[in-house]
């Protein structure tokens, strides 16, 4: 078996699996490998102790304290204002 790949994606979270889908469906790249340390893909971001790295405008993840929510909201506002000047 030839273990030569054109693209190696490290991490099977939301970003890694999305990248795999995009490359495999919208490019001519055929030899792609997805490397994931867990037993399945996209399982860590749904864990209570993990941050899914998503940005929420006008709402907040419920696991944050009020102080954490204020800090995150401040950062989200910066991103929102940058994207929509």
N, C-alpha and C. Protein backbone atom coordinates (compact mmCIF):
# COMPACT_ATOMS: atom_id res chain seq x y z
N UNK A 1 0.84 -1.19 0.00
CA UNK A 1 0.00 0.00 0.00
C UNK A 1 0.88 1.24 0.00
N UNK A 2 0.58 2.18 -0.85
CA UNK A 2 1.33 3.43 -0.95
C UNK A 2 0.80 4.43 0.06
N UNK A 3 1.66 4.87 0.98
CA UNK A 3 1.25 5.84 2.00
C UNK A 3 1.64 7.26 1.63
N UNK A 4 1.55 7.59 0.36
CA UNK A 4 1.85 8.94 -0.11
C UNK A 4 0.54 9.68 -0.34
N UNK A 5 0.45 10.86 0.27
CA UNK A 5 -0.77 11.66 0.16
C UNK A 5 -0.43 13.04 -0.37
N UNK A 6 -1.40 13.64 -1.04
CA UNK A 6 -1.23 15.02 -1.51
C UNK A 6 -1.50 16.01 -0.39
N UNK A 7 -2.43 15.66 0.49
CA UNK A 7 -2.82 16.54 1.60
C UNK A 7 -2.98 15.68 2.85
N UNK A 8 -2.44 16.17 3.96
CA UNK A 8 -2.66 15.54 5.26
C UNK A 8 -3.36 16.56 6.15
N UNK A 9 -4.50 16.19 6.69
CA UNK A 9 -5.25 17.05 7.60
C UNK A 9 -5.11 16.47 8.99
N UNK A 10 -4.57 17.26 9.91
CA UNK A 10 -4.37 16.81 11.28
C UNK A 10 -5.49 17.38 12.14
N UNK A 11 -6.32 16.51 12.64
CA UNK A 11 -7.43 16.92 13.49
C UNK A 11 -8.75 16.69 12.79
N UNK A 12 -9.58 15.87 13.39
CA UNK A 12 -10.88 15.55 12.81
C UNK A 12 -12.02 16.25 13.51
N UNK A 13 -11.77 17.48 13.93
CA UNK A 13 -12.85 18.28 14.51
C UNK A 13 -13.69 18.89 13.40
N UNK A 14 -14.43 19.90 13.75
CA UNK A 14 -15.32 20.55 12.79
C UNK A 14 -14.52 21.13 11.62
N UNK A 15 -13.42 21.79 11.91
CA UNK A 15 -12.62 22.41 10.85
C UNK A 15 -11.95 21.35 9.97
N UNK A 16 -11.36 20.33 10.59
CA UNK A 16 -10.68 19.29 9.83
C UNK A 16 -11.63 18.52 8.92
N UNK A 17 -12.79 18.14 9.45
CA UNK A 17 -13.74 17.39 8.63
C UNK A 17 -14.36 18.27 7.55
N UNK A 18 -14.56 19.55 7.85
CA UNK A 18 -15.07 20.47 6.82
C UNK A 18 -14.05 20.65 5.70
N UNK A 19 -12.78 20.77 6.09
CA UNK A 19 -11.73 20.90 5.09
C UNK A 19 -11.64 19.64 4.23
N UNK A 20 -11.72 18.48 4.87
CA UNK A 20 -11.71 17.22 4.12
C UNK A 20 -12.85 17.18 3.12
N UNK A 21 -14.04 17.53 3.55
CA UNK A 21 -15.21 17.53 2.66
C UNK A 21 -15.00 18.49 1.49
N UNK A 22 -14.54 19.69 1.80
CA UNK A 22 -14.36 20.71 0.76
C UNK A 22 -13.31 20.29 -0.26
N UNK A 23 -12.17 19.84 0.23
CA UNK A 23 -11.11 19.42 -0.69
C UNK A 23 -11.56 18.24 -1.54
N UNK A 24 -12.20 17.26 -0.93
CA UNK A 24 -12.58 16.07 -1.67
C UNK A 24 -13.71 16.31 -2.66
N UNK A 25 -14.52 17.31 -2.42
CA UNK A 25 -15.64 17.58 -3.32
C UNK A 25 -15.41 18.71 -4.32
N UNK A 26 -14.47 19.61 -4.04
CA UNK A 26 -14.32 20.79 -4.89
C UNK A 26 -12.93 20.99 -5.46
N UNK A 27 -12.08 19.98 -5.36
CA UNK A 27 -10.76 20.05 -5.99
C UNK A 27 -10.50 18.73 -6.72
N UNK A 28 -9.40 18.68 -7.43
CA UNK A 28 -9.03 17.43 -8.10
C UNK A 28 -8.04 16.61 -7.27
N UNK A 29 -7.85 16.97 -6.01
CA UNK A 29 -6.97 16.23 -5.11
C UNK A 29 -7.65 14.92 -4.73
N UNK A 30 -6.94 13.82 -4.92
CA UNK A 30 -7.54 12.50 -4.68
C UNK A 30 -6.96 11.78 -3.47
N UNK A 31 -5.72 12.07 -3.11
CA UNK A 31 -5.07 11.32 -2.03
C UNK A 31 -4.98 12.20 -0.79
N UNK A 32 -5.99 12.06 0.08
CA UNK A 32 -6.11 12.88 1.29
C UNK A 32 -6.13 11.93 2.50
N UNK A 33 -5.43 12.32 3.55
CA UNK A 33 -5.50 11.55 4.79
C UNK A 33 -5.95 12.48 5.91
N UNK A 34 -6.86 11.98 6.74
CA UNK A 34 -7.32 12.70 7.93
C UNK A 34 -6.78 11.96 9.14
N UNK A 35 -6.00 12.65 9.97
CA UNK A 35 -5.39 12.05 11.15
C UNK A 35 -6.11 12.58 12.38
N UNK A 36 -6.69 11.68 13.15
CA UNK A 36 -7.44 12.06 14.36
C UNK A 36 -7.03 11.15 15.50
N UNK A 37 -6.73 11.73 16.66
CA UNK A 37 -6.29 10.94 17.82
C UNK A 37 -7.44 10.27 18.56
N UNK A 38 -8.65 10.78 18.41
CA UNK A 38 -9.80 10.21 19.11
C UNK A 38 -10.37 9.03 18.32
N UNK A 39 -11.32 8.33 18.91
CA UNK A 39 -11.90 7.15 18.28
C UNK A 39 -12.86 7.49 17.13
N UNK A 40 -13.28 8.74 17.06
CA UNK A 40 -14.20 9.17 16.01
C UNK A 40 -13.93 10.65 15.74
N UNK A 41 -14.53 11.18 14.69
CA UNK A 41 -14.32 12.59 14.35
C UNK A 41 -15.36 13.47 15.03
N UNK A 42 -14.98 14.72 15.26
CA UNK A 42 -15.87 15.78 15.76
C UNK A 42 -16.56 15.44 17.08
N UNK A 43 -15.87 14.75 17.98
CA UNK A 43 -16.51 14.40 19.25
C UNK A 43 -16.09 15.31 20.40
N UNK A 44 -14.95 15.98 20.29
CA UNK A 44 -14.46 16.79 21.41
C UNK A 44 -15.22 18.10 21.53
N UNK A 45 -15.55 18.76 20.45
CA UNK A 45 -16.17 20.08 20.55
C UNK A 45 -17.55 20.05 21.20
N UNK A 46 -18.16 18.90 21.30
CA UNK A 46 -19.47 18.84 21.94
C UNK A 46 -19.34 18.53 23.43
N UNK A 47 -18.13 18.27 23.91
CA UNK A 47 -17.93 17.99 25.33
C UNK A 47 -18.15 19.26 26.14
N UNK A 48 -18.67 19.12 27.34
CA UNK A 48 -19.00 20.25 28.20
C UNK A 48 -17.78 21.12 28.50
N UNK A 49 -16.60 20.51 28.64
CA UNK A 49 -15.39 21.25 29.02
C UNK A 49 -14.65 21.84 27.83
N UNK A 50 -15.11 21.60 26.62
CA UNK A 50 -14.41 22.08 25.43
C UNK A 50 -15.10 23.29 24.83
N UNK A 51 -14.35 24.10 24.14
CA UNK A 51 -14.89 25.24 23.42
C UNK A 51 -14.91 24.89 21.95
N UNK A 52 -16.05 25.02 21.32
CA UNK A 52 -16.19 24.63 19.91
C UNK A 52 -15.59 25.64 18.96
N UNK A 53 -15.03 26.73 19.48
CA UNK A 53 -14.40 27.76 18.66
C UNK A 53 -15.40 28.45 17.73
N UNK A 54 -16.64 28.45 18.10
CA UNK A 54 -17.63 29.15 17.30
C UNK A 54 -17.84 30.54 17.88
N UNK A 55 -18.23 31.45 17.02
CA UNK A 55 -18.52 32.81 17.46
C UNK A 55 -20.03 33.00 17.45
N UNK A 56 -20.56 33.50 18.53
CA UNK A 56 -21.99 33.71 18.67
C UNK A 56 -22.26 35.20 18.78
N UNK A 57 -23.06 35.71 17.87
CA UNK A 57 -23.44 37.11 17.95
C UNK A 57 -24.83 37.20 18.57
N UNK A 58 -24.97 38.08 19.53
CA UNK A 58 -26.24 38.35 20.21
C UNK A 58 -26.66 37.23 21.16
N UNK A 59 -25.83 36.23 21.34
CA UNK A 59 -26.12 35.20 22.33
C UNK A 59 -24.79 34.68 22.87
N UNK A 60 -24.83 33.74 23.76
CA UNK A 60 -23.61 33.24 24.38
C UNK A 60 -23.82 31.78 24.76
N UNK A 61 -22.72 31.03 24.83
CA UNK A 61 -22.82 29.64 25.26
C UNK A 61 -23.20 29.61 26.74
N UNK A 62 -24.08 28.71 27.11
CA UNK A 62 -24.62 28.69 28.47
C UNK A 62 -23.62 28.23 29.52
N UNK A 63 -22.51 27.63 29.13
CA UNK A 63 -21.55 27.15 30.13
C UNK A 63 -20.67 28.25 30.69
N UNK A 64 -20.75 29.46 30.16
CA UNK A 64 -19.92 30.57 30.62
C UNK A 64 -20.52 31.23 31.87
N UNK A 65 -19.63 31.70 32.74
CA UNK A 65 -20.08 32.56 33.83
C UNK A 65 -20.37 33.93 33.25
N UNK A 66 -20.98 34.81 34.02
CA UNK A 66 -21.27 36.15 33.55
C UNK A 66 -19.98 36.88 33.17
N UNK A 67 -18.94 36.75 33.97
CA UNK A 67 -17.67 37.41 33.67
C UNK A 67 -17.06 36.87 32.36
N UNK A 68 -17.11 35.56 32.17
CA UNK A 68 -16.60 34.98 30.93
C UNK A 68 -17.43 35.44 29.73
N UNK A 69 -18.74 35.50 29.91
CA UNK A 69 -19.62 35.92 28.83
C UNK A 69 -19.32 37.36 28.41
N UNK A 70 -19.06 38.22 29.37
CA UNK A 70 -18.73 39.62 29.05
C UNK A 70 -17.42 39.70 28.27
N UNK A 71 -16.43 38.91 28.66
CA UNK A 71 -15.15 38.91 27.96
C UNK A 71 -15.31 38.40 26.54
N UNK A 72 -16.02 37.29 26.37
CA UNK A 72 -16.24 36.72 25.05
C UNK A 72 -17.06 37.68 24.19
N UNK A 73 -18.08 38.29 24.78
CA UNK A 73 -18.92 39.23 24.04
C UNK A 73 -18.10 40.40 23.52
N UNK A 74 -17.14 40.85 24.29
CA UNK A 74 -16.28 41.94 23.86
C UNK A 74 -15.49 41.54 22.62
N UNK A 75 -14.92 40.35 22.63
CA UNK A 75 -14.18 39.85 21.48
C UNK A 75 -15.06 39.63 20.27
N UNK A 76 -16.25 39.11 20.50
CA UNK A 76 -17.19 38.89 19.41
C UNK A 76 -17.57 40.20 18.74
N UNK A 77 -17.73 41.24 19.54
CA UNK A 77 -18.07 42.55 18.98
C UNK A 77 -16.97 43.06 18.06
N UNK A 78 -15.72 42.82 18.43
CA UNK A 78 -14.61 43.22 17.58
C UNK A 78 -14.67 42.51 16.24
N UNK A 79 -14.91 41.21 16.26
CA UNK A 79 -15.00 40.43 15.02
C UNK A 79 -16.19 40.90 14.19
N UNK A 80 -17.34 41.07 14.84
CA UNK A 80 -18.55 41.49 14.13
C UNK A 80 -18.34 42.84 13.46
N UNK A 81 -17.74 43.78 14.17
CA UNK A 81 -17.50 45.11 13.60
C UNK A 81 -16.47 45.07 12.50
N UNK A 82 -15.52 44.16 12.57
CA UNK A 82 -14.52 44.02 11.51
C UNK A 82 -15.18 43.44 10.25
N UNK A 83 -16.06 42.46 10.44
CA UNK A 83 -16.70 41.81 9.30
C UNK A 83 -17.79 42.68 8.68
N UNK A 84 -18.46 43.47 9.49
CA UNK A 84 -19.56 44.31 9.02
C UNK A 84 -19.32 45.77 9.45
N UNK A 85 -18.38 46.44 8.75
CA UNK A 85 -18.06 47.83 9.17
C UNK A 85 -19.22 48.79 8.95
